[in-house]
Amino acid sequence: VVILAYFDVSAHALLLVAVAAFARLDLQARAVGEAKSFFILSGISLTS
């Protein structure tokens, strides 16, 4: 209900999750490990 009520905010959150999931799938397809994936995703996200 909160997500639907505040769709303008939750749409940004869903976009962040979707793009990060896409990047993780690409990293996984290229055989990048879990620890490296975490540091890549978190480092790029927070830096950007």
All heavy atoms as atom14 arrays in JSON, in Angstrom:
{
  "sequence": "VVILAYFDVSAHALLLVAVAAFARLDLQARAVGEAKSFFILSGISLTS",
  "atom14_mask": [
    [1, 1, 1, 1, 1, 1, 1, 0, 0, 0, 0, 0, 0, 0],
    [1, 1, 1, 1, 1, 1, 1, 0, 0, 0, 0, 0, 0, 0],
    [1, 1, 1, 1, 1, 1, 1, 1, 0, 0, 0, 0, 0, 0],
    [1, 1, 1, 1, 1, 1, 1, 1, 0, 0, 0, 0, 0, 0],
    [1, 1, 1, 1, 1, 0, 0, 0, 0, 0, 0, 0, 0, 0],
    [1, 1, 1, 1, 1, 1, 1, 1, 1, 1, 1, 1, 0, 0],
    [1, 1, 1, 1, 1, 1, 1, 1, 1, 1, 1, 0, 0, 0],
    [1, 1, 1, 1, 1, 1, 1, 1, 0, 0, 0, 0, 0, 0],
    [1, 1, 1, 1, 1, 1, 1, 0, 0, 0, 0, 0, 0, 0],
    [1, 1, 1, 1, 1, 1, 0, 0, 0, 0, 0, 0, 0, 0],
    [1, 1, 1, 1, 1, 0, 0, 0, 0, 0, 0, 0, 0, 0],
    [1, 1, 1, 1, 1, 1, 1, 1, 1, 1, 0, 0, 0, 0],
    [1, 1, 1, 1, 1, 0, 0, 0, 0, 0, 0, 0, 0, 0],
    [1, 1, 1, 1, 1, 1, 1, 1, 0, 0, 0, 0, 0, 0],
    [1, 1, 1, 1, 1, 1, 1, 1, 0, 0, 0, 0, 0, 0],
    [1, 1, 1, 1, 1, 1, 1, 1, 0, 0, 0, 0, 0, 0],
    [1, 1, 1, 1, 1, 1, 1, 0, 0, 0, 0, 0, 0, 0],
    [1, 1, 1, 1, 1, 0, 0, 0, 0, 0, 0, 0, 0, 0],
    [1, 1, 1, 1, 1, 1, 1, 0, 0, 0, 0, 0, 0, 0],
    [1, 1, 1, 1, 1, 0, 0, 0, 0, 0, 0, 0, 0, 0],
    [1, 1, 1, 1, 1, 0, 0, 0, 0, 0, 0, 0, 0, 0],
    [1, 1, 1, 1, 1, 1, 1, 1, 1, 1, 1, 0, 0, 0],
    [1, 1, 1, 1, 1, 0, 0, 0, 0, 0, 0, 0, 0, 0],
    [1, 1, 1, 1, 1, 1, 1, 1, 1, 1, 1, 0, 0, 0],
    [1, 1, 1, 1, 1, 1, 1, 1, 0, 0, 0, 0, 0, 0],
    [1, 1, 1, 1, 1, 1, 1, 1, 0, 0, 0, 0, 0, 0],
    [1, 1, 1, 1, 1, 1, 1, 1, 0, 0, 0, 0, 0, 0],
    [1, 1, 1, 1, 1, 1, 1, 1, 1, 0, 0, 0, 0, 0],
    [1, 1, 1, 1, 1, 0, 0, 0, 0, 0, 0, 0, 0, 0],
    [1, 1, 1, 1, 1, 1, 1, 1, 1, 1, 1, 0, 0, 0],
    [1, 1, 1, 1, 1, 0, 0, 0, 0, 0, 0, 0, 0, 0],
    [1, 1, 1, 1, 1, 1, 1, 0, 0, 0, 0, 0, 0, 0],
    [1, 1, 1, 1, 0, 0, 0, 0, 0, 0, 0, 0, 0, 0],
    [1, 1, 1, 1, 1, 1, 1, 1, 1, 0, 0, 0, 0, 0],
    [1, 1, 1, 1, 1, 0, 0, 0, 0, 0, 0, 0, 0, 0],
    [1, 1, 1, 1, 1, 1, 1, 1, 1, 0, 0, 0, 0, 0],
    [1, 1, 1, 1, 1, 1, 0, 0, 0, 0, 0, 0, 0, 0],
    [1, 1, 1, 1, 1, 1, 1, 1, 1, 1, 1, 0, 0, 0],
    [1, 1, 1, 1, 1, 1, 1, 1, 1, 1, 1, 0, 0, 0],
    [1, 1, 1, 1, 1, 1, 1, 1, 0, 0, 0, 0, 0, 0],
    [1, 1, 1, 1, 1, 1, 1, 1, 0, 0, 0, 0, 0, 0],
    [1, 1, 1, 1, 1, 1, 0, 0, 0, 0, 0, 0, 0, 0],
    [1, 1, 1, 1, 0, 0, 0, 0, 0, 0, 0, 0, 0, 0],
    [1, 1, 1, 1, 1, 1, 1, 1, 0, 0, 0, 0, 0, 0],
    [1, 1, 1, 1, 1, 1, 0, 0, 0, 0, 0, 0, 0, 0],
    [1, 1, 1, 1, 1, 1, 1, 1, 0, 0, 0, 0, 0, 0],
    [1, 1, 1, 1, 1, 1, 1, 0, 0, 0, 0, 0, 0, 0],
    [1, 1, 1, 1, 1, 1, 0, 0, 0, 0, 0, 0, 0, 0]
  ],
  "atom14_positions": [
    [[0.84, -1.21, 0.0], [0.0, 0.0, 0.0], [0.87, 1.25, 0.0], [0.59, 2.22, -0.72], [-0.97, -0.02, 1.2], [-1.66, 1.31, 1.38], [-1.99, -1.13, 1.04], [0.0, 0.0, 0.0], [0.0, 0.0, 0.0], [0.0, 0.0, 0.0], [0.0, 0.0, 0.0], [0.0, 0.0, 0.0], [0.0, 0.0, 0.0], [0.0, 0.0, 0.0]],
    [[1.94, 1.26, 0.79], [2.83, 2.41, 0.84], [3.5, 2.63, -0.52], [3.61, 3.77, -1.0], [3.89, 2.23, 1.96], [4.98, 3.27, 1.86], [3.23, 2.3, 3.31], [0.0, 0.0, 0.0], [0.0, 0.0, 0.0], [0.0, 0.0, 0.0], [0.0, 0.0, 0.0], [0.0, 0.0, 0.0], [0.0, 0.0, 0.0], [0.0, 0.0, 0.0]],
    [[3.92, 1.55, -1.16], [4.54, 1.66, -2.48], [3.56, 2.26, -3.48], [3.93, 3.13, -4.29], [5.06, 0.29, -2.96], [6.31, -0.08, -2.18], [5.33, 0.27, -4.45], [6.8, -1.5, -2.42], [0.0, 0.0, 0.0], [0.0, 0.0, 0.0], [0.0, 0.0, 0.0], [0.0, 0.0, 0.0], [0.0, 0.0, 0.0], [0.0, 0.0, 0.0]],
    [[2.33, 1.83, -3.45], [1.34, 2.39, -4.37], [0.98, 3.83, -4.03], [0.75, 4.65, -4.92], [0.09, 1.52, -4.38], [0.26, 0.15, -5.03], [-1.01, -0.68, -4.87], [0.64, 0.28, -6.49], [0.0, 0.0, 0.0], [0.0, 0.0, 0.0], [0.0, 0.0, 0.0], [0.0, 0.0, 0.0], [0.0, 0.0, 0.0], [0.0, 0.0, 0.0]],
    [[0.93, 4.15, -2.74], [0.57, 5.51, -2.33], [1.67, 6.51, -2.68], [1.39, 7.65, -3.05], [0.28, 5.55, -0.84], [0.0, 0.0, 0.0], [0.0, 0.0, 0.0], [0.0, 0.0, 0.0], [0.0, 0.0, 0.0], [0.0, 0.0, 0.0], [0.0, 0.0, 0.0], [0.0, 0.0, 0.0], [0.0, 0.0, 0.0], [0.0, 0.0, 0.0]],
    [[2.91, 6.09, -2.55], [4.05, 6.96, -2.85], [4.77, 6.44, -4.09], [5.97, 6.17, -4.07], [5.01, 7.02, -1.66], [4.39, 7.65, -0.45], [3.95, 6.88, 0.6], [4.23, 9.03, -0.38], [3.37, 7.45, 1.7], [3.66, 9.62, 0.71], [3.22, 8.83, 1.76], [2.64, 9.41, 2.85], [0.0, 0.0, 0.0], [0.0, 0.0, 0.0]],
    [[4.03, 6.34, -5.17], [4.58, 5.74, -6.38], [5.71, 6.58, -6.97], [6.63, 6.04, -7.58], [3.48, 5.53, -7.42], [3.95, 4.69, -8.58], [4.17, 3.35, -8.41], [4.19, 5.27, -9.81], [4.62, 2.57, -9.46], [4.64, 4.51, -10.86], [4.85, 3.15, -10.7], [0.0, 0.0, 0.0], [0.0, 0.0, 0.0], [0.0, 0.0, 0.0]],
    [[5.66, 7.9, -6.8], [6.73, 8.74, -7.34], [8.07, 8.42, -6.69], [9.11, 8.42, -7.35], [6.39, 10.22, -7.19], [6.08, 10.61, -5.75], [5.64, 9.74, -4.98], [6.28, 11.78, -5.41], [0.0, 0.0, 0.0], [0.0, 0.0, 0.0], [0.0, 0.0, 0.0], [0.0, 0.0, 0.0], [0.0, 0.0, 0.0], [0.0, 0.0, 0.0]],
    [[8.07, 8.11, -5.42], [9.31, 7.75, -4.72], [9.67, 6.3, -4.99], [10.83, 5.97, -5.27], [9.16, 7.99, -3.2], [10.39, 7.52, -2.45], [8.88, 9.46, -2.93], [0.0, 0.0, 0.0], [0.0, 0.0, 0.0], [0.0, 0.0, 0.0], [0.0, 0.0, 0.0], [0.0, 0.0, 0.0], [0.0, 0.0, 0.0], [0.0, 0.0, 0.0]],
    [[8.67, 5.42, -4.92], [8.96, 4.0, -5.1], [9.38, 3.67, -6.53], [10.09, 2.68, -6.75], [7.77, 3.15, -4.67], [6.63, 3.49, -5.43], [0.0, 0.0, 0.0], [0.0, 0.0, 0.0], [0.0, 0.0, 0.0], [0.0, 0.0, 0.0], [0.0, 0.0, 0.0], [0.0, 0.0, 0.0], [0.0, 0.0, 0.0], [0.0, 0.0, 0.0]],
    [[8.97, 4.48, -7.5], [9.41, 4.24, -8.88], [10.92, 4.44, -9.0], [11.59, 3.68, -9.71], [8.67, 5.18, -9.83], [0.0, 0.0, 0.0], [0.0, 0.0, 0.0], [0.0, 0.0, 0.0], [0.0, 0.0, 0.0], [0.0, 0.0, 0.0], [0.0, 0.0, 0.0], [0.0, 0.0, 0.0], [0.0, 0.0, 0.0], [0.0, 0.0, 0.0]],
    [[11.46, 5.41, -8.3], [12.92, 5.61, -8.3], [13.61, 4.42, -7.65], [14.63, 3.95, -8.15], [13.3, 6.9, -7.57], [12.97, 8.13, -8.31], [13.65, 8.53, -9.44], [12.01, 9.05, -8.11], [13.13, 9.66, -9.87], [12.13, 9.99, -9.09], [0.0, 0.0, 0.0], [0.0, 0.0, 0.0], [0.0, 0.0, 0.0], [0.0, 0.0, 0.0]],
    [[13.06, 3.92, -6.56], [13.65, 2.78, -5.87], [13.6, 1.54, -6.75], [14.58, 0.78, -6.83], [12.94, 2.54, -4.55], [0.0, 0.0, 0.0], [0.0, 0.0, 0.0], [0.0, 0.0, 0.0], [0.0, 0.0, 0.0], [0.0, 0.0, 0.0], [0.0, 0.0, 0.0], [0.0, 0.0, 0.0], [0.0, 0.0, 0.0], [0.0, 0.0, 0.0]],
    [[12.48, 1.33, -7.43], [12.37, 0.18, -8.33], [13.34, 0.29, -9.5], [13.9, -0.71, -9.95], [10.93, 0.03, -8.83], [9.91, -0.41, -7.78], [8.51, -0.37, -8.36], [10.24, -1.8, -7.27], [0.0, 0.0, 0.0], [0.0, 0.0, 0.0], [0.0, 0.0, 0.0], [0.0, 0.0, 0.0], [0.0, 0.0, 0.0], [0.0, 0.0, 0.0]],
    [[13.55, 1.5, -10.0], [14.51, 1.7, -11.08], [15.92, 1.38, -10.61], [16.7, 0.74, -11.32], [14.42, 3.13, -11.59], [15.37, 3.49, -12.74], [15.05, 2.66, -13.97], [15.3, 4.96, -13.04], [0.0, 0.0, 0.0], [0.0, 0.0, 0.0], [0.0, 0.0, 0.0], [0.0, 0.0, 0.0], [0.0, 0.0, 0.0], [0.0, 0.0, 0.0]],
    [[16.27, 1.81, -9.4], [17.59, 1.51, -8.85], [17.8, 0.0, -8.71], [18.86, -0.52, -9.04], [17.78, 2.19, -7.5], [17.79, 3.72, -7.49], [17.88, 4.23, -6.07], [18.91, 4.27, -8.34], [0.0, 0.0, 0.0], [0.0, 0.0, 0.0], [0.0, 0.0, 0.0], [0.0, 0.0, 0.0], [0.0, 0.0, 0.0], [0.0, 0.0, 0.0]],
    [[16.77, -0.69, -8.24], [16.87, -2.15, -8.08], [16.99, -2.82, -9.45], [17.81, -3.73, -9.63], [15.65, -2.7, -7.3], [15.61, -4.22, -7.33], [15.68, -2.21, -5.87], [0.0, 0.0, 0.0], [0.0, 0.0, 0.0], [0.0, 0.0, 0.0], [0.0, 0.0, 0.0], [0.0, 0.0, 0.0], [0.0, 0.0, 0.0], [0.0, 0.0, 0.0]],
    [[16.2, -2.38, -10.42], [16.23, -3.01, -11.74], [17.58, -2.82, -12.43], [18.12, -3.77, -13.01], [15.11, -2.43, -12.61], [0.0, 0.0, 0.0], [0.0, 0.0, 0.0], [0.0, 0.0, 0.0], [0.0, 0.0, 0.0], [0.0, 0.0, 0.0], [0.0, 0.0, 0.0], [0.0, 0.0, 0.0], [0.0, 0.0, 0.0], [0.0, 0.0, 0.0]],
    [[18.14, -1.63, -12.37], [19.42, -1.38, -13.02], [20.54, -2.15, -12.31], [21.42, -2.71, -12.97], [19.72, 0.13, -13.08], [21.13, 0.41, -13.51], [18.74, 0.81, -14.01], [0.0, 0.0, 0.0], [0.0, 0.0, 0.0], [0.0, 0.0, 0.0], [0.0, 0.0, 0.0], [0.0, 0.0, 0.0], [0.0, 0.0, 0.0], [0.0, 0.0, 0.0]],
    [[20.49, -2.2, -10.99], [21.5, -2.97, -10.25], [21.37, -4.46, -10.55], [22.39, -5.17, -10.67], [21.38, -2.71, -8.75], [0.0, 0.0, 0.0], [0.0, 0.0, 0.0], [0.0, 0.0, 0.0], [0.0, 0.0, 0.0], [0.0, 0.0, 0.0], [0.0, 0.0, 0.0], [0.0, 0.0, 0.0], [0.0, 0.0, 0.0], [0.0, 0.0, 0.0]],
    [[20.14, -4.95, -10.69], [19.95, -6.36, -11.03], [20.48, -6.66, -12.43], [21.1, -7.71, -12.67], [18.47, -6.73, -10.94], [0.0, 0.0, 0.0], [0.0, 0.0, 0.0], [0.0, 0.0, 0.0], [0.0, 0.0, 0.0], [0.0, 0.0, 0.0], [0.0, 0.0, 0.0], [0.0, 0.0, 0.0], [0.0, 0.0, 0.0], [0.0, 0.0, 0.0]],
    [[20.27, -5.75, -13.37], [20.81, -5.91, -14.72], [22.34, -5.96, -14.7], [22.95, -6.81, -15.35], [20.3, -4.77, -15.61], [20.83, -4.8, -17.0], [20.63, -5.89, -17.82], [21.53, -3.72, -17.51], [21.13, -5.91, -19.12], [22.02, -3.72, -18.79], [21.82, -4.82, -19.6], [0.0, 0.0, 0.0], [0.0, 0.0, 0.0], [0.0, 0.0, 0.0]],
    [[22.94, -5.06, -13.93], [24.4, -5.06, -13.83], [24.89, -6.35, -13.17], [25.9, -6.93, -13.6], [24.87, -3.84, -13.04], [0.0, 0.0, 0.0], [0.0, 0.0, 0.0], [0.0, 0.0, 0.0], [0.0, 0.0, 0.0], [0.0, 0.0, 0.0], [0.0, 0.0, 0.0], [0.0, 0.0, 0.0], [0.0, 0.0, 0.0], [0.0, 0.0, 0.0]],
    [[24.2, -6.82, -12.14], [24.61, -8.06, -11.48], [24.49, -9.25, -12.4], [25.35, -10.13, -12.4], [23.78, -8.26, -10.21], [23.99, -9.59, -9.53], [25.43, -9.79, -9.09], [25.57, -11.06, -8.39], [26.51, -11.95, -8.64], [27.42, -11.72, -9.56], [26.56, -13.06, -7.96], [0.0, 0.0, 0.0], [0.0, 0.0, 0.0], [0.0, 0.0, 0.0]],
    [[23.43, -9.3, -13.19], [23.29, -10.41, -14.14], [24.41, -10.4, -15.18], [24.94, -11.45, -15.55], [21.92, -10.34, -14.84], [20.73, -10.77, -14.0], [19.44, -10.51, -14.75], [20.85, -12.23, -13.62], [0.0, 0.0, 0.0], [0.0, 0.0, 0.0], [0.0, 0.0, 0.0], [0.0, 0.0, 0.0], [0.0, 0.0, 0.0], [0.0, 0.0, 0.0]],
    [[24.78, -9.22, -15.64], [25.9, -9.12, -16.57], [27.21, -9.53, -15.91], [28.04, -10.2, -16.53], [26.02, -7.71, -17.13], [25.17, -7.49, -18.36], [24.58, -8.48, -18.85], [25.1, -6.35, -18.83], [0.0, 0.0, 0.0], [0.0, 0.0, 0.0], [0.0, 0.0, 0.0], [0.0, 0.0, 0.0], [0.0, 0.0, 0.0], [0.0, 0.0, 0.0]],
    [[27.4, -9.14, -14.67], [28.6, -9.55, -13.95], [28.63, -11.06, -13.73], [29.67, -11.7, -13.86], [28.69, -8.82, -12.6], [29.03, -7.33, -12.65], [28.83, -6.7, -11.28], [30.46, -7.12, -13.13], [0.0, 0.0, 0.0], [0.0, 0.0, 0.0], [0.0, 0.0, 0.0], [0.0, 0.0, 0.0], [0.0, 0.0, 0.0], [0.0, 0.0, 0.0]],
    [[27.48, -11.62, -13.42], [27.39, -13.06, -13.21], [27.63, -13.81, -14.52], [28.29, -14.85, -14.53], [26.03, -13.42, -12.65], [25.89, -14.84, -12.18], [24.56, -15.08, -11.5], [23.67, -14.23, -11.53], [24.42, -16.23, -10.88], [0.0, 0.0, 0.0], [0.0, 0.0, 0.0], [0.0, 0.0, 0.0], [0.0, 0.0, 0.0], [0.0, 0.0, 0.0]],
    [[27.13, -13.29, -15.63], [27.35, -13.93, -16.93], [28.82, -13.9, -17.32], [29.28, -14.77, -18.06], [26.5, -13.25, -18.0], [0.0, 0.0, 0.0], [0.0, 0.0, 0.0], [0.0, 0.0, 0.0], [0.0, 0.0, 0.0], [0.0, 0.0, 0.0], [0.0, 0.0, 0.0], [0.0, 0.0, 0.0], [0.0, 0.0, 0.0], [0.0, 0.0, 0.0]],
    [[29.55, -12.94, -16.82], [30.98, -12.84, -17.12], [31.84, -13.45, -16.02], [33.03, -13.2, -15.95], [31.36, -11.39, -17.36], [30.66, -10.86, -18.6], [30.87, -9.41, -18.79], [29.97, -8.92, -19.8], [30.36, -8.36, -20.92], [31.63, -8.2, -21.18], [29.47, -7.93, -21.78], [0.0, 0.0, 0.0], [0.0, 0.0, 0.0], [0.0, 0.0, 0.0]],
    [[31.21, -14.25, -15.17], [31.89, -15.04, -14.13], [32.66, -14.18, -13.13], [33.76, -14.52, -12.72], [32.79, -16.09, -14.75], [0.0, 0.0, 0.0], [0.0, 0.0, 0.0], [0.0, 0.0, 0.0], [0.0, 0.0, 0.0], [0.0, 0.0, 0.0], [0.0, 0.0, 0.0], [0.0, 0.0, 0.0], [0.0, 0.0, 0.0], [0.0, 0.0, 0.0]],
    [[32.07, -13.07, -12.73], [32.65, -12.25, -11.67], [32.08, -12.76, -10.35], [30.87, -12.96, -10.22], [32.32, -10.75, -11.87], [32.84, -9.91, -10.74], [32.88, -10.27, -13.2], [0.0, 0.0, 0.0], [0.0, 0.0, 0.0], [0.0, 0.0, 0.0], [0.0, 0.0, 0.0], [0.0, 0.0, 0.0], [0.0, 0.0, 0.0], [0.0, 0.0, 0.0]],
    [[32.92, -12.98, -9.37], [32.5, -13.56, -8.09], [31.59, -12.67, -7.29], [31.4, -11.48, -7.58], [0.0, 0.0, 0.0], [0.0, 0.0, 0.0], [0.0, 0.0, 0.0], [0.0, 0.0, 0.0], [0.0, 0.0, 0.0], [0.0, 0.0, 0.0], [0.0, 0.0, 0.0], [0.0, 0.0, 0.0], [0.0, 0.0, 0.0], [0.0, 0.0, 0.0]],
    [[31.04, -13.25, -6.21], [30.08, -12.53, -5.38], [30.71, -11.34, -4.66], [30.13, -10.27, -4.61], [29.46, -13.48, -4.36], [28.57, -14.52, -4.97], [28.02, -15.49, -3.95], [28.42, -15.42, -2.76], [27.17, -16.31, -4.33], [0.0, 0.0, 0.0], [0.0, 0.0, 0.0], [0.0, 0.0, 0.0], [0.0, 0.0, 0.0], [0.0, 0.0, 0.0]],
    [[31.89, -11.53, -4.11], [32.53, -10.44, -3.38], [32.91, -9.29, -4.31], [32.67, -8.12, -4.0], [33.78, -10.95, -2.65], [0.0, 0.0, 0.0], [0.0, 0.0, 0.0], [0.0, 0.0, 0.0], [0.0, 0.0, 0.0], [0.0, 0.0, 0.0], [0.0, 0.0, 0.0], [0.0, 0.0, 0.0], [0.0, 0.0, 0.0], [0.0, 0.0, 0.0]],
    [[33.48, -9.62, -5.47], [33.82, -8.58, -6.43], [32.56, -7.87, -6.93], [32.56, -6.65, -7.11], [34.58, -9.16, -7.62], [36.03, -9.46, -7.33], [36.72, -9.93, -8.58], [38.16, -10.28, -8.29], [38.83, -10.8, -9.49], [0.0, 0.0, 0.0], [0.0, 0.0, 0.0], [0.0, 0.0, 0.0], [0.0, 0.0, 0.0], [0.0, 0.0, 0.0]],
    [[31.5, -8.62, -7.14], [30.24, -8.02, -7.59], [29.7, -7.04, -6.56], [29.22, -5.96, -6.91], [29.19, -9.09, -7.86], [29.55, -9.87, -8.95], [0.0, 0.0, 0.0], [0.0, 0.0, 0.0], [0.0, 0.0, 0.0], [0.0, 0.0, 0.0], [0.0, 0.0, 0.0], [0.0, 0.0, 0.0], [0.0, 0.0, 0.0], [0.0, 0.0, 0.0]],
    [[29.76, -7.43, -5.28], [29.3, -6.53, -4.23], [30.1, -5.23, -4.24], [29.53, -4.14, -4.18], [29.39, -7.2, -2.86], [29.13, -6.24, -1.73], [27.85, -5.81, -1.46], [30.18, -5.76, -0.95], [27.6, -4.92, -0.42], [29.95, -4.87, 0.08], [28.65, -4.45, 0.35], [0.0, 0.0, 0.0], [0.0, 0.0, 0.0], [0.0, 0.0, 0.0]],
    [[31.42, -5.34, -4.31], [32.25, -4.14, -4.28], [32.08, -3.29, -5.54], [32.08, -2.06, -5.48], [33.72, -4.5, -4.05], [33.99, -4.94, -2.65], [34.42, -6.22, -2.39], [33.78, -4.07, -1.59], [34.65, -6.63, -1.09], [34.01, -4.47, -0.29], [34.45, -5.76, -0.03], [0.0, 0.0, 0.0], [0.0, 0.0, 0.0], [0.0, 0.0, 0.0]],
    [[31.9, -3.93, -6.68], [31.67, -3.18, -7.91], [30.33, -2.45, -7.85], [30.25, -1.25, -8.12], [31.74, -4.12, -9.14], [33.17, -4.58, -9.37], [31.18, -3.43, -10.39], [33.31, -5.68, -10.4], [0.0, 0.0, 0.0], [0.0, 0.0, 0.0], [0.0, 0.0, 0.0], [0.0, 0.0, 0.0], [0.0, 0.0, 0.0], [0.0, 0.0, 0.0]],
    [[29.27, -3.18, -7.48], [27.94, -2.56, -7.43], [27.86, -1.45, -6.39], [27.36, -0.36, -6.67], [26.87, -3.62, -7.15], [26.57, -4.62, -8.25], [25.58, -5.66, -7.76], [26.04, -3.93, -9.48], [0.0, 0.0, 0.0], [0.0, 0.0, 0.0], [0.0, 0.0, 0.0], [0.0, 0.0, 0.0], [0.0, 0.0, 0.0], [0.0, 0.0, 0.0]],
    [[28.35, -1.73, -5.2], [28.25, -0.71, -4.16], [29.18, 0.46, -4.43], [28.8, 1.62, -4.23], [28.54, -1.31, -2.78], [29.83, -1.85, -2.74], [0.0, 0.0, 0.0], [0.0, 0.0, 0.0], [0.0, 0.0, 0.0], [0.0, 0.0, 0.0], [0.0, 0.0, 0.0], [0.0, 0.0, 0.0], [0.0, 0.0, 0.0], [0.0, 0.0, 0.0]],
    [[30.37, 0.21, -4.91], [31.31, 1.29, -5.2], [30.81, 2.21, -6.31], [30.84, 3.44, -6.18], [0.0, 0.0, 0.0], [0.0, 0.0, 0.0], [0.0, 0.0, 0.0], [0.0, 0.0, 0.0], [0.0, 0.0, 0.0], [0.0, 0.0, 0.0], [0.0, 0.0, 0.0], [0.0, 0.0, 0.0], [0.0, 0.0, 0.0], [0.0, 0.0, 0.0]],
    [[30.34, 1.62, -7.39], [29.84, 2.43, -8.5], [28.56, 3.17, -8.09], [28.39, 4.35, -8.42], [29.61, 1.55, -9.74], [30.96, 1.11, -10.3], [28.79, 2.27, -10.8], [30.86, 0.12, -11.43], [0.0, 0.0, 0.0], [0.0, 0.0, 0.0], [0.0, 0.0, 0.0], [0.0, 0.0, 0.0], [0.0, 0.0, 0.0], [0.0, 0.0, 0.0]],
    [[27.69, 2.51, -7.35], [26.44, 3.15, -6.93], [26.7, 4.36, -6.04], [26.17, 5.44, -6.29], [25.56, 2.14, -6.19], [25.25, 1.06, -7.01], [0.0, 0.0, 0.0], [0.0, 0.0, 0.0], [0.0, 0.0, 0.0], [0.0, 0.0, 0.0], [0.0, 0.0, 0.0], [0.0, 0.0, 0.0], [0.0, 0.0, 0.0], [0.0, 0.0, 0.0]],
    [[27.5, 4.16, -5.01], [27.74, 5.26, -4.07], [28.57, 6.38, -4.69], [28.31, 7.57, -4.44], [28.41, 4.73, -2.81], [27.57, 3.75, -1.98], [28.34, 3.27, -0.78], [26.24, 4.37, -1.58], [0.0, 0.0, 0.0], [0.0, 0.0, 0.0], [0.0, 0.0, 0.0], [0.0, 0.0, 0.0], [0.0, 0.0, 0.0], [0.0, 0.0, 0.0]],
    [[29.53, 6.02, -5.54], [30.32, 7.05, -6.21], [29.46, 7.86, -7.17], [29.56, 9.1, -7.2], [31.49, 6.4, -6.98], [32.27, 5.64, -6.06], [32.34, 7.43, -7.67], [0.0, 0.0, 0.0], [0.0, 0.0, 0.0], [0.0, 0.0, 0.0], [0.0, 0.0, 0.0], [0.0, 0.0, 0.0], [0.0, 0.0, 0.0], [0.0, 0.0, 0.0]],
    [[28.6, 7.21, -7.91], [27.73, 7.92, -8.86], [26.71, 8.78, -8.13], [26.39, 9.88, -8.58], [27.0, 6.91, -9.76], [27.92, 6.15, -10.48], [0.0, 0.0, 0.0], [0.0, 0.0, 0.0], [0.0, 0.0, 0.0], [0.0, 0.0, 0.0], [0.0, 0.0, 0.0], [0.0, 0.0, 0.0], [0.0, 0.0, 0.0], [0.0, 0.0, 0.0]]
  ]
}
